[in-house]
Amino acid sequence: MHRFQTLPSVLGLAIALLIGGMSSVFAQQAIPLCQPPNAGEYLLLVVSPTANNQKQLRSALPPELKTITCKYLNETVTRVGGFNKIDDANRWARYVSNIVGLSAIITTRPTTADVQPQPQAPQQTVNYNPQALGEGYAVLVDYYNRPELVNSVQQVVGGNVGFVSYGQRPYLLAVYTTNQSEAYNTLQKLNDRGFVASIVNSRKVILLRSTVRL
């Protein structure tokens, strides 16, 4: 009789443990979206899809650099601190690549919003020939569905601007280069002009149109 009396409590405990285990799994899967950088801040986002990647990265970084696992452009990344200078972000990006072997994205938020929309509309693009870019660096500009910003970006980079897909989202391609210094200089110029720009691994960028014309 005693065993039958305790059976409900045993079942209740088992159910509670099962629910607790399921909650733990769901909690691990619910990775939050990355918080954007502050104005004028350079943020390092290290692509780290596995728990082992994240552990290796944290062990390689000094404790004063705060790290948070979050989602950015449909990728699991480790958000590393914030840097006031692009040179600092660049140095840590190289360190992560050389020591841990993980690729990093540098993104920034403009200090001013001096980019003014122009009363123009883009021509319809009919024939796409999607292809992946090769090895190197791609500087992408988030145009927030305002294609009229193409002219402003062209003025900053002094040349044509492309149209690409990265992380299943469309971006303007300001520069594609194997020259790291050129990529970071372009990012700095775009940031100074008020654009939201990022440097990413160009091999993950799909080129949709090499030149965008208004």
N, C-alpha and C. Protein backbone atom coordinates (compact mmCIF):
# COMPACT_ATOMS: atom_id res chain seq x y z
N MET A 1 0.83 -1.20 0.00
CA MET A 1 0.00 0.00 0.00
C MET A 1 0.86 1.25 0.00
N HIS A 2 1.93 1.16 0.75
CA HIS A 2 2.78 2.34 0.86
C HIS A 2 3.35 2.74 -0.49
N ARG A 3 3.71 1.70 -1.29
CA ARG A 3 4.27 1.99 -2.60
C ARG A 3 3.23 2.62 -3.52
N PHE A 4 1.99 2.16 -3.43
CA PHE A 4 0.93 2.72 -4.27
C PHE A 4 0.62 4.16 -3.87
N GLN A 5 0.74 4.47 -2.60
CA GLN A 5 0.48 5.82 -2.14
C GLN A 5 1.54 6.79 -2.66
N THR A 6 2.74 6.33 -2.79
CA THR A 6 3.82 7.22 -3.23
C THR A 6 3.93 7.30 -4.75
N LEU A 7 3.21 6.44 -5.47
CA LEU A 7 3.31 6.43 -6.92
C LEU A 7 2.93 7.77 -7.55
N PRO A 8 1.82 8.41 -7.13
CA PRO A 8 1.49 9.71 -7.73
C PRO A 8 2.59 10.74 -7.55
N SER A 9 3.19 10.75 -6.35
CA SER A 9 4.26 11.72 -6.13
C SER A 9 5.47 11.42 -6.99
N VAL A 10 5.75 10.11 -7.21
CA VAL A 10 6.87 9.73 -8.07
C VAL A 10 6.59 10.16 -9.51
N LEU A 11 5.35 9.92 -9.96
CA LEU A 11 4.98 10.34 -11.31
C LEU A 11 5.05 11.85 -11.45
N GLY A 12 4.61 12.54 -10.42
CA GLY A 12 4.66 14.01 -10.46
C GLY A 12 6.08 14.51 -10.56
N LEU A 13 6.97 13.87 -9.81
CA LEU A 13 8.38 14.26 -9.87
C LEU A 13 8.96 14.00 -11.25
N ALA A 14 8.60 12.84 -11.83
CA ALA A 14 9.12 12.49 -13.16
C ALA A 14 8.64 13.49 -14.20
N ILE A 15 7.35 13.87 -14.10
CA ILE A 15 6.80 14.84 -15.05
C ILE A 15 7.48 16.20 -14.88
N ALA A 16 7.69 16.57 -13.62
CA ALA A 16 8.36 17.85 -13.36
C ALA A 16 9.77 17.86 -13.93
N LEU A 17 10.48 16.74 -13.77
CA LEU A 17 11.84 16.66 -14.31
C LEU A 17 11.82 16.72 -15.83
N LEU A 18 10.82 16.04 -16.44
CA LEU A 18 10.70 16.04 -17.90
C LEU A 18 10.44 17.45 -18.41
N ILE A 19 9.49 18.14 -17.75
CA ILE A 19 9.18 19.52 -18.17
C ILE A 19 10.38 20.42 -17.96
N GLY A 20 11.08 20.21 -16.83
CA GLY A 20 12.26 21.02 -16.57
C GLY A 20 13.33 20.80 -17.62
N GLY A 21 13.50 19.53 -18.05
CA GLY A 21 14.48 19.24 -19.09
C GLY A 21 14.11 19.86 -20.41
N MET A 22 12.80 19.80 -20.73
CA MET A 22 12.34 20.42 -21.98
C MET A 22 12.54 21.92 -21.94
N SER A 23 12.26 22.53 -20.78
CA SER A 23 12.45 23.97 -20.64
C SER A 23 13.90 24.35 -20.83
N SER A 24 14.79 23.49 -20.31
CA SER A 24 16.22 23.75 -20.46
C SER A 24 16.64 23.72 -21.92
N VAL A 25 16.10 22.74 -22.67
CA VAL A 25 16.41 22.65 -24.10
C VAL A 25 15.92 23.87 -24.84
N PHE A 26 14.66 24.27 -24.55
CA PHE A 26 14.10 25.44 -25.21
C PHE A 26 14.89 26.70 -24.87
N ALA A 27 15.34 26.78 -23.62
CA ALA A 27 16.11 27.95 -23.21
C ALA A 27 17.42 28.04 -23.98
N GLN A 28 18.04 26.85 -24.24
CA GLN A 28 19.29 26.86 -24.99
C GLN A 28 19.07 27.27 -26.44
N GLN A 29 17.88 26.91 -26.97
CA GLN A 29 17.61 27.21 -28.36
C GLN A 29 17.20 28.67 -28.57
N ALA A 30 16.66 29.29 -27.51
CA ALA A 30 16.15 30.65 -27.64
C ALA A 30 17.30 31.65 -27.51
N ILE A 31 18.06 31.79 -28.57
CA ILE A 31 19.19 32.72 -28.57
C ILE A 31 18.66 34.11 -28.93
N PRO A 32 18.94 35.12 -28.13
CA PRO A 32 18.39 36.46 -28.39
C PRO A 32 19.06 37.12 -29.58
N LEU A 33 18.38 38.11 -30.12
CA LEU A 33 18.96 38.91 -31.20
C LEU A 33 20.03 39.83 -30.63
N CYS A 34 21.07 40.08 -31.41
CA CYS A 34 22.16 40.95 -30.95
C CYS A 34 21.67 42.39 -30.83
N GLN A 35 22.09 43.02 -29.76
CA GLN A 35 21.81 44.44 -29.60
C GLN A 35 22.72 45.25 -30.51
N PRO A 36 22.20 46.29 -31.16
CA PRO A 36 23.03 47.09 -32.06
C PRO A 36 24.09 47.87 -31.30
N PRO A 37 25.14 48.28 -31.98
CA PRO A 37 26.16 49.09 -31.31
C PRO A 37 25.64 50.48 -30.98
N ASN A 38 26.28 51.13 -30.04
CA ASN A 38 25.96 52.52 -29.75
C ASN A 38 26.50 53.41 -30.86
N ALA A 39 26.05 54.64 -30.89
CA ALA A 39 26.50 55.58 -31.91
C ALA A 39 28.01 55.76 -31.83
N GLY A 40 28.68 55.57 -32.96
CA GLY A 40 30.13 55.74 -33.02
C GLY A 40 30.92 54.57 -32.48
N GLU A 41 30.25 53.48 -32.15
CA GLU A 41 30.92 52.30 -31.58
C GLU A 41 31.16 51.26 -32.67
N TYR A 42 32.29 50.58 -32.59
CA TYR A 42 32.60 49.47 -33.49
C TYR A 42 32.42 48.17 -32.72
N LEU A 43 31.60 47.29 -33.27
CA LEU A 43 31.24 46.06 -32.59
C LEU A 43 31.84 44.87 -33.33
N LEU A 44 32.36 43.92 -32.57
CA LEU A 44 32.94 42.71 -33.14
C LEU A 44 31.95 41.56 -32.93
N LEU A 45 31.51 40.96 -34.04
CA LEU A 45 30.60 39.83 -34.00
C LEU A 45 31.31 38.62 -34.59
N VAL A 46 31.63 37.65 -33.76
CA VAL A 46 32.40 36.49 -34.18
C VAL A 46 31.43 35.33 -34.48
N VAL A 47 31.49 34.83 -35.70
CA VAL A 47 30.61 33.73 -36.09
C VAL A 47 31.01 32.48 -35.31
N SER A 48 30.13 32.03 -34.41
CA SER A 48 30.44 30.89 -33.53
C SER A 48 29.19 30.05 -33.35
N PRO A 49 28.88 29.19 -34.33
CA PRO A 49 27.61 28.44 -34.32
C PRO A 49 27.51 27.33 -33.28
N THR A 50 28.65 26.83 -32.78
CA THR A 50 28.59 25.71 -31.85
C THR A 50 29.04 26.14 -30.45
N ALA A 51 28.61 25.35 -29.47
CA ALA A 51 29.00 25.63 -28.08
C ALA A 51 30.52 25.52 -27.91
N ASN A 52 31.15 24.63 -28.66
CA ASN A 52 32.60 24.49 -28.60
C ASN A 52 33.30 25.73 -29.14
N ASN A 53 32.76 26.28 -30.25
CA ASN A 53 33.30 27.54 -30.79
C ASN A 53 33.24 28.63 -29.74
N GLN A 54 32.10 28.74 -29.09
CA GLN A 54 31.89 29.80 -28.11
C GLN A 54 32.82 29.64 -26.91
N LYS A 55 33.02 28.38 -26.48
CA LYS A 55 33.91 28.11 -25.36
C LYS A 55 35.35 28.45 -25.71
N GLN A 56 35.79 28.05 -26.90
CA GLN A 56 37.15 28.35 -27.33
C GLN A 56 37.39 29.85 -27.42
N LEU A 57 36.39 30.56 -27.93
CA LEU A 57 36.53 32.00 -28.08
C LEU A 57 36.64 32.68 -26.72
N ARG A 58 35.77 32.30 -25.79
CA ARG A 58 35.80 32.93 -24.47
C ARG A 58 37.11 32.66 -23.74
N SER A 59 37.65 31.46 -23.93
CA SER A 59 38.91 31.12 -23.27
C SER A 59 40.09 31.89 -23.87
N ALA A 60 39.94 32.34 -25.13
CA ALA A 60 41.03 33.05 -25.80
C ALA A 60 40.97 34.55 -25.57
N LEU A 61 39.83 35.05 -25.11
CA LEU A 61 39.67 36.49 -24.91
C LEU A 61 39.89 36.86 -23.45
N PRO A 62 40.41 38.04 -23.19
CA PRO A 62 40.58 38.49 -21.80
C PRO A 62 39.22 38.74 -21.15
N PRO A 63 39.11 38.56 -19.83
CA PRO A 63 37.81 38.67 -19.15
C PRO A 63 37.20 40.07 -19.22
N GLU A 64 38.03 41.10 -19.42
CA GLU A 64 37.46 42.46 -19.46
C GLU A 64 36.64 42.72 -20.72
N LEU A 65 36.81 41.85 -21.73
CA LEU A 65 35.98 41.98 -22.94
C LEU A 65 34.70 41.18 -22.72
N LYS A 66 33.59 41.87 -22.64
CA LYS A 66 32.31 41.21 -22.39
C LYS A 66 31.83 40.49 -23.65
N THR A 67 31.40 39.24 -23.48
CA THR A 67 30.93 38.45 -24.62
C THR A 67 29.51 37.97 -24.37
N ILE A 68 28.69 38.03 -25.41
CA ILE A 68 27.30 37.58 -25.34
C ILE A 68 27.00 36.79 -26.62
N THR A 69 26.41 35.62 -26.47
CA THR A 69 25.98 34.84 -27.63
C THR A 69 24.61 35.34 -28.09
N CYS A 70 24.50 35.65 -29.38
CA CYS A 70 23.25 36.20 -29.89
C CYS A 70 23.14 35.91 -31.39
N LYS A 71 22.02 36.30 -31.98
CA LYS A 71 21.74 36.07 -33.39
C LYS A 71 21.95 37.35 -34.18
N TYR A 72 22.66 37.23 -35.31
CA TYR A 72 22.89 38.36 -36.20
C TYR A 72 22.83 37.86 -37.64
N LEU A 73 21.89 38.38 -38.42
CA LEU A 73 21.74 37.97 -39.82
C LEU A 73 21.59 36.45 -39.94
N ASN A 74 20.75 35.88 -39.09
CA ASN A 74 20.46 34.44 -39.11
C ASN A 74 21.66 33.57 -38.75
N GLU A 75 22.69 34.17 -38.18
CA GLU A 75 23.86 33.40 -37.74
C GLU A 75 24.03 33.55 -36.24
N THR A 76 24.52 32.48 -35.60
CA THR A 76 24.85 32.55 -34.18
C THR A 76 26.24 33.14 -34.04
N VAL A 77 26.33 34.25 -33.33
CA VAL A 77 27.61 34.95 -33.19
C VAL A 77 27.87 35.23 -31.72
N THR A 78 29.11 35.56 -31.43
CA THR A 78 29.49 36.04 -30.10
C THR A 78 29.77 37.53 -30.21
N ARG A 79 28.98 38.30 -29.52
CA ARG A 79 29.10 39.77 -29.53
C ARG A 79 30.20 40.16 -28.54
N VAL A 80 31.24 40.76 -29.06
CA VAL A 80 32.41 41.08 -28.24
C VAL A 80 32.48 42.58 -28.00
N GLY A 81 32.27 42.96 -26.74
CA GLY A 81 32.46 44.33 -26.28
C GLY A 81 32.06 45.41 -27.26
N GLY A 82 32.67 46.54 -27.14
CA GLY A 82 32.50 47.63 -28.07
C GLY A 82 33.80 48.39 -28.14
N PHE A 83 34.14 48.88 -29.31
CA PHE A 83 35.42 49.57 -29.49
C PHE A 83 35.15 50.96 -30.05
N ASN A 84 35.91 51.91 -29.57
CA ASN A 84 35.75 53.29 -30.02
C ASN A 84 36.55 53.58 -31.29
N LYS A 85 37.53 52.72 -31.59
CA LYS A 85 38.37 52.93 -32.76
C LYS A 85 38.32 51.69 -33.65
N ILE A 86 38.26 51.93 -34.94
CA ILE A 86 38.20 50.81 -35.88
C ILE A 86 39.49 49.99 -35.85
N ASP A 87 40.61 50.63 -35.53
CA ASP A 87 41.88 49.91 -35.45
C ASP A 87 41.84 48.85 -34.34
N ASP A 88 41.18 49.18 -33.22
CA ASP A 88 41.07 48.23 -32.12
C ASP A 88 40.22 47.03 -32.53
N ALA A 89 39.08 47.32 -33.17
CA ALA A 89 38.21 46.24 -33.64
C ALA A 89 38.93 45.37 -34.66
N ASN A 90 39.68 46.00 -35.55
CA ASN A 90 40.44 45.29 -36.57
C ASN A 90 41.49 44.38 -35.94
N ARG A 91 42.18 44.89 -34.93
CA ARG A 91 43.23 44.11 -34.27
C ARG A 91 42.65 42.86 -33.59
N TRP A 92 41.52 43.01 -32.91
CA TRP A 92 40.89 41.87 -32.25
C TRP A 92 40.31 40.90 -33.26
N ALA A 93 39.82 41.41 -34.39
CA ALA A 93 39.30 40.53 -35.44
C ALA A 93 40.42 39.64 -35.98
N ARG A 94 41.60 40.22 -36.19
CA ARG A 94 42.75 39.44 -36.65
C ARG A 94 43.18 38.42 -35.60
N TYR A 95 43.14 38.85 -34.34
CA TYR A 95 43.52 37.96 -33.24
C TYR A 95 42.60 36.74 -33.19
N VAL A 96 41.29 36.98 -33.28
CA VAL A 96 40.32 35.89 -33.24
C VAL A 96 40.52 34.94 -34.42
N SER A 97 40.80 35.50 -35.59
CA SER A 97 41.00 34.69 -36.78
C SER A 97 42.26 33.83 -36.66
N ASN A 98 43.34 34.43 -36.16
CA ASN A 98 44.62 33.72 -36.08
C ASN A 98 44.66 32.71 -34.94
N ILE A 99 44.07 33.07 -33.78
CA ILE A 99 44.18 32.22 -32.59
C ILE A 99 43.08 31.17 -32.53
N VAL A 100 41.86 31.59 -32.82
CA VAL A 100 40.72 30.67 -32.67
C VAL A 100 40.27 30.10 -34.02
N GLY A 101 40.60 30.80 -35.11
CA GLY A 101 40.21 30.33 -36.42
C GLY A 101 38.77 30.62 -36.80
N LEU A 102 38.19 31.64 -36.17
CA LEU A 102 36.81 32.01 -36.47
C LEU A 102 36.78 33.36 -37.19
N SER A 103 35.81 33.50 -38.10
CA SER A 103 35.69 34.76 -38.84
C SER A 103 34.84 35.75 -38.04
N ALA A 104 35.15 37.02 -38.20
CA ALA A 104 34.47 38.06 -37.44
C ALA A 104 33.87 39.11 -38.36
N ILE A 105 32.76 39.67 -37.92
CA ILE A 105 32.09 40.76 -38.61
C ILE A 105 32.30 42.02 -37.77
N ILE A 106 32.68 43.10 -38.41
CA ILE A 106 32.76 44.38 -37.72
C ILE A 106 31.62 45.25 -38.22
N THR A 107 30.82 45.73 -37.29
CA THR A 107 29.71 46.58 -37.67
C THR A 107 29.74 47.84 -36.81
N THR A 108 29.10 48.87 -37.29
CA THR A 108 29.12 50.14 -36.59
C THR A 108 27.80 50.86 -36.78
N ARG A 109 27.61 51.86 -35.98
CA ARG A 109 26.41 52.69 -36.08
C ARG A 109 26.86 54.12 -36.23
N PRO A 110 26.30 54.86 -37.18
CA PRO A 110 26.77 56.22 -37.43
C PRO A 110 26.50 57.15 -36.26
N THR A 111 27.36 58.14 -36.13
CA THR A 111 27.17 59.15 -35.08
C THR A 111 26.20 60.22 -35.52
N THR A 112 26.00 60.35 -36.82
CA THR A 112 25.06 61.34 -37.35
C THR A 112 24.23 60.70 -38.43
N ALA A 113 23.11 61.31 -38.74
CA ALA A 113 22.23 60.83 -39.80
C ALA A 113 22.11 61.91 -40.85
N ASP A 114 23.25 62.19 -41.50
CA ASP A 114 23.28 63.30 -42.44
C ASP A 114 23.02 62.84 -43.87
N VAL A 115 22.62 61.58 -44.05
CA VAL A 115 22.33 61.09 -45.40
C VAL A 115 20.90 61.43 -45.73
N GLN A 116 20.69 62.27 -46.72
CA GLN A 116 19.37 62.71 -47.08
C GLN A 116 18.85 61.92 -48.28
N PRO A 117 17.59 61.47 -48.24
CA PRO A 117 17.02 60.76 -49.38
C PRO A 117 16.86 61.67 -50.58
N GLN A 118 16.99 61.09 -51.76
CA GLN A 118 16.85 61.85 -52.99
C GLN A 118 15.61 61.38 -53.73
N PRO A 119 14.90 62.27 -54.38
CA PRO A 119 13.64 61.92 -55.03
C PRO A 119 13.84 61.16 -56.33
N GLN A 120 14.42 59.98 -56.23
CA GLN A 120 14.66 59.16 -57.40
C GLN A 120 14.23 57.73 -57.10
N ALA A 121 13.94 57.01 -58.13
CA ALA A 121 13.54 55.60 -57.95
C ALA A 121 14.44 54.73 -58.80
N PRO A 122 14.75 53.52 -58.34
CA PRO A 122 15.64 52.63 -59.11
C PRO A 122 14.90 52.01 -60.28
N GLN A 123 15.65 51.69 -61.31
CA GLN A 123 15.08 50.96 -62.42
C GLN A 123 14.78 49.53 -61.98
N GLN A 124 13.79 48.92 -62.57
CA GLN A 124 13.47 47.54 -62.25
C GLN A 124 14.60 46.63 -62.73
N THR A 125 15.04 45.76 -61.83
CA THR A 125 16.07 44.80 -62.19
C THR A 125 15.41 43.49 -62.58
N VAL A 126 15.61 43.04 -63.79
CA VAL A 126 14.91 41.88 -64.31
C VAL A 126 15.79 40.64 -64.28
N ASN A 127 16.98 40.74 -64.83
CA ASN A 127 17.84 39.56 -65.00
C ASN A 127 18.92 39.51 -63.93
N TYR A 128 18.71 38.68 -62.92
CA TYR A 128 19.72 38.45 -61.89
C TYR A 128 20.57 37.25 -62.27
N ASN A 129 21.83 37.32 -61.96
CA ASN A 129 22.71 36.17 -62.15
C ASN A 129 23.49 35.96 -60.86
N PRO A 130 22.81 35.43 -59.83
CA PRO A 130 23.43 35.33 -58.51
C PRO A 130 24.70 34.49 -58.53
N GLN A 131 25.72 34.98 -57.86
CA GLN A 131 26.97 34.24 -57.74
C GLN A 131 27.68 34.67 -56.46
N ALA A 132 28.36 33.73 -55.83
CA ALA A 132 29.08 34.02 -54.60
C ALA A 132 30.36 34.78 -54.90
N LEU A 133 30.67 35.74 -54.06
CA LEU A 133 31.94 36.45 -54.19
C LEU A 133 33.07 35.52 -53.75
N GLY A 134 34.27 35.86 -54.14
CA GLY A 134 35.43 35.05 -53.77
C GLY A 134 35.99 35.46 -52.42
N GLU A 135 37.21 35.05 -52.18
CA GLU A 135 37.86 35.34 -50.90
C GLU A 135 38.15 36.82 -50.78
N GLY A 136 38.00 37.35 -49.58
CA GLY A 136 38.30 38.76 -49.35
C GLY A 136 37.33 39.38 -48.36
N TYR A 137 37.14 40.69 -48.53
CA TYR A 137 36.31 41.46 -47.62
C TYR A 137 35.24 42.21 -48.42
N ALA A 138 34.02 42.21 -47.87
CA ALA A 138 32.93 42.95 -48.50
C ALA A 138 32.41 43.97 -47.50
N VAL A 139 32.31 45.21 -47.95
CA VAL A 139 31.74 46.27 -47.11
C VAL A 139 30.30 46.47 -47.56
N LEU A 140 29.37 46.15 -46.67
CA LEU A 140 27.95 46.20 -46.98
C LEU A 140 27.29 47.39 -46.30
N VAL A 141 26.31 47.96 -46.98
CA VAL A 141 25.56 49.10 -46.44
C VAL A 141 24.10 48.71 -46.32
N ASP A 142 23.56 48.85 -45.13
CA ASP A 142 22.13 48.61 -44.91
C ASP A 142 21.38 49.85 -45.37
N TYR A 143 20.59 49.70 -46.43
CA TYR A 143 19.93 50.87 -47.03
C TYR A 143 18.49 51.03 -46.60
N TYR A 144 18.01 50.15 -45.71
CA TYR A 144 16.68 50.27 -45.11
C TYR A 144 15.60 50.50 -46.16
N ASN A 145 15.67 49.74 -47.25
CA ASN A 145 14.68 49.84 -48.33
C ASN A 145 14.58 51.24 -48.91
N ARG A 146 15.71 51.93 -48.93
CA ARG A 146 15.77 53.27 -49.54
C ARG A 146 16.83 53.22 -50.65
N PRO A 147 16.47 52.67 -51.81
CA PRO A 147 17.46 52.51 -52.89
C PRO A 147 18.01 53.83 -53.39
N GLU A 148 17.33 54.94 -53.07
CA GLU A 148 17.84 56.24 -53.51
C GLU A 148 19.16 56.60 -52.85
N LEU A 149 19.56 55.83 -51.82
CA LEU A 149 20.84 56.09 -51.15
C LEU A 149 22.04 55.65 -51.99
N VAL A 150 21.76 54.98 -53.11
CA VAL A 150 22.85 54.48 -53.96
C VAL A 150 23.77 55.63 -54.38
N ASN A 151 23.20 56.74 -54.81
CA ASN A 151 24.02 57.86 -55.26
C ASN A 151 24.94 58.36 -54.16
N SER A 152 24.42 58.42 -52.93
CA SER A 152 25.23 58.90 -51.81
C SER A 152 26.38 57.95 -51.51
N VAL A 153 26.11 56.65 -51.58
CA VAL A 153 27.16 55.66 -51.34
C VAL A 153 28.22 55.75 -52.44
N GLN A 154 27.77 55.92 -53.70
CA GLN A 154 28.71 56.05 -54.81
C GLN A 154 29.65 57.24 -54.62
N GLN A 155 29.11 58.32 -54.08
CA GLN A 155 29.95 59.51 -53.85
C GLN A 155 31.02 59.23 -52.80
N VAL A 156 30.67 58.44 -51.79
CA VAL A 156 31.64 58.14 -50.73
C VAL A 156 32.75 57.23 -51.25
N VAL A 157 32.38 56.18 -51.99
CA VAL A 157 33.38 55.19 -52.43
C VAL A 157 34.04 55.59 -53.74
N GLY A 158 33.46 56.57 -54.43
CA GLY A 158 34.06 57.02 -55.68
C GLY A 158 33.97 56.01 -56.81
N GLY A 159 32.87 55.26 -56.85
CA GLY A 159 32.71 54.27 -57.91
C GLY A 159 31.34 53.63 -57.85
N ASN A 160 31.16 52.58 -58.64
CA ASN A 160 29.87 51.90 -58.70
C ASN A 160 29.56 51.14 -57.42
N VAL A 161 28.28 50.95 -57.18
CA VAL A 161 27.80 50.22 -56.01
C VAL A 161 27.01 49.02 -56.49
N GLY A 162 27.25 47.86 -55.87
CA GLY A 162 26.55 46.65 -56.26
C GLY A 162 25.38 46.35 -55.35
N PHE A 163 24.69 45.26 -55.66
CA PHE A 163 23.54 44.81 -54.89
C PHE A 163 23.76 43.34 -54.55
N VAL A 164 23.71 43.01 -53.24
CA VAL A 164 24.06 41.66 -52.81
C VAL A 164 23.06 41.13 -51.79
N SER A 165 23.22 39.85 -51.48
CA SER A 165 22.45 39.21 -50.42
C SER A 165 23.43 38.63 -49.41
N TYR A 166 23.16 38.89 -48.13
CA TYR A 166 23.99 38.35 -47.07
C TYR A 166 23.07 37.98 -45.90
N GLY A 167 23.14 36.74 -45.45
CA GLY A 167 22.25 36.32 -44.38
C GLY A 167 20.79 36.44 -44.76
N GLN A 168 20.50 36.20 -46.05
CA GLN A 168 19.15 36.25 -46.60
C GLN A 168 18.55 37.65 -46.51
N ARG A 169 19.40 38.66 -46.50
CA ARG A 169 18.93 40.04 -46.50
C ARG A 169 19.66 40.82 -47.59
N PRO A 170 19.00 41.79 -48.23
CA PRO A 170 19.64 42.57 -49.29
C PRO A 170 20.48 43.72 -48.72
N TYR A 171 21.60 43.99 -49.39
CA TYR A 171 22.48 45.09 -49.00
C TYR A 171 23.07 45.73 -50.25
N LEU A 172 23.50 46.96 -50.08
CA LEU A 172 24.31 47.60 -51.11
C LEU A 172 25.76 47.19 -50.87
N LEU A 173 26.45 46.83 -51.95
CA LEU A 173 27.86 46.45 -51.85
C LEU A 173 28.71 47.68 -52.17
N ALA A 174 29.32 48.24 -51.14
CA ALA A 174 30.14 49.43 -51.32
C ALA A 174 31.51 49.06 -51.90
N VAL A 175 32.13 48.02 -51.35
CA VAL A 175 33.46 47.61 -51.79
C VAL A 175 33.61 46.11 -51.60
N TYR A 176 34.21 45.47 -52.58
CA TYR A 176 34.65 44.07 -52.46
C TYR A 176 36.13 44.06 -52.80
N THR A 177 36.97 43.64 -51.85
CA THR A 177 38.41 43.72 -52.05
C THR A 177 39.12 42.66 -51.22
N THR A 178 40.33 42.33 -51.63
CA THR A 178 41.18 41.46 -50.82
C THR A 178 42.14 42.27 -49.96
N ASN A 179 42.08 43.59 -50.12
CA ASN A 179 42.93 44.50 -49.35
C ASN A 179 42.21 44.90 -48.07
N GLN A 180 42.69 44.40 -46.95
CA GLN A 180 42.03 44.65 -45.68
C GLN A 180 42.00 46.13 -45.33
N SER A 181 43.09 46.82 -45.57
CA SER A 181 43.16 48.25 -45.26
C SER A 181 42.13 49.04 -46.05
N GLU A 182 41.98 48.70 -47.33
CA GLU A 182 40.99 49.38 -48.16
C GLU A 182 39.58 49.17 -47.62
N ALA A 183 39.29 47.95 -47.19
CA ALA A 183 37.96 47.65 -46.66
C ALA A 183 37.68 48.47 -45.40
N TYR A 184 38.63 48.52 -44.48
CA TYR A 184 38.41 49.24 -43.23
C TYR A 184 38.38 50.75 -43.44
N ASN A 185 39.16 51.24 -44.39
CA ASN A 185 39.11 52.67 -44.69
C ASN A 185 37.75 53.06 -45.26
N THR A 186 37.20 52.19 -46.11
CA THR A 186 35.88 52.45 -46.68
C THR A 186 34.81 52.43 -45.59
N LEU A 187 34.91 51.46 -44.68
CA LEU A 187 33.97 51.41 -43.57
C LEU A 187 34.01 52.69 -42.75
N GLN A 188 35.21 53.19 -42.50
CA GLN A 188 35.37 54.43 -41.74
C GLN A 188 34.71 55.60 -42.46
N LYS A 189 34.91 55.70 -43.77
CA LYS A 189 34.32 56.79 -44.56
C LYS A 189 32.80 56.73 -44.52
N LEU A 190 32.26 55.53 -44.67
CA LEU A 190 30.80 55.38 -44.65
C LEU A 190 30.22 55.73 -43.29
N ASN A 191 30.92 55.32 -42.25
CA ASN A 191 30.46 55.64 -40.90
C ASN A 191 30.47 57.15 -40.67
N ASP A 192 31.52 57.81 -41.14
CA ASP A 192 31.62 59.26 -40.98
C ASP A 192 30.49 60.00 -41.70
N ARG A 193 30.00 59.41 -42.78
CA ARG A 193 28.92 60.03 -43.55
C ARG A 193 27.53 59.63 -43.07
N GLY A 194 27.47 58.80 -42.04
CA GLY A 194 26.18 58.47 -41.46
C GLY A 194 25.53 57.19 -41.95
N PHE A 195 26.29 56.34 -42.63
CA PHE A 195 25.73 55.07 -43.11
C PHE A 195 25.92 53.97 -42.07
N VAL A 196 25.02 53.00 -42.08
CA VAL A 196 25.17 51.80 -41.24
C VAL A 196 25.84 50.74 -42.11
N ALA A 197 27.11 50.46 -41.83
CA ALA A 197 27.91 49.59 -42.69
C ALA A 197 28.55 48.48 -41.88
N SER A 198 28.91 47.39 -42.57
CA SER A 198 29.55 46.24 -41.93
C SER A 198 30.62 45.68 -42.86
N ILE A 199 31.64 45.08 -42.25
CA ILE A 199 32.64 44.33 -43.01
C ILE A 199 32.40 42.86 -42.74
N VAL A 200 32.27 42.06 -43.80
CA VAL A 200 31.98 40.64 -43.65
C VAL A 200 32.90 39.82 -44.55
N ASN A 201 32.93 38.53 -44.31
CA ASN A 201 33.66 37.59 -45.15
C ASN A 201 32.96 37.52 -46.51
N SER A 202 33.65 37.93 -47.55
CA SER A 202 33.01 38.05 -48.86
C SER A 202 32.57 36.71 -49.44
N ARG A 203 33.13 35.61 -48.96
CA ARG A 203 32.74 34.30 -49.48
C ARG A 203 31.31 33.94 -49.11
N LYS A 204 30.74 34.64 -48.13
CA LYS A 204 29.36 34.38 -47.72
C LYS A 204 28.38 35.37 -48.34
N VAL A 205 28.88 36.19 -49.25
CA VAL A 205 28.05 37.20 -49.90
C VAL A 205 27.66 36.74 -51.30
N ILE A 206 26.39 36.86 -51.63
CA ILE A 206 25.90 36.49 -52.96
C ILE A 206 25.69 37.77 -53.77
N LEU A 207 26.41 37.88 -54.86
CA LEU A 207 26.29 39.05 -55.72
C LEU A 207 25.07 38.89 -56.62
N LEU A 208 24.15 39.83 -56.52
CA LEU A 208 22.94 39.80 -57.33
C LEU A 208 23.06 40.71 -58.55
N ARG A 209 23.74 41.83 -58.36
CA ARG A 209 23.92 42.77 -59.46
C ARG A 209 25.20 43.56 -59.21
N SER A 210 26.12 43.56 -60.16
CA SER A 210 27.41 44.19 -59.95
C SER A 210 27.32 45.71 -59.90
N THR A 211 26.34 46.28 -60.60
CA THR A 211 26.18 47.73 -60.61
C THR A 211 24.69 48.07 -60.47
N VAL A 212 24.39 48.95 -59.54
CA VAL A 212 23.02 49.43 -59.36
C VAL A 212 22.92 50.81 -59.97
N ARG A 213 21.94 50.99 -60.84
CA ARG A 213 21.73 52.28 -61.51
C ARG A 213 20.35 52.82 -61.17
N LEU A 214 20.29 54.12 -60.93
CA LEU A 214 19.02 54.78 -60.64
C LEU A 214 18.42 55.36 -61.90
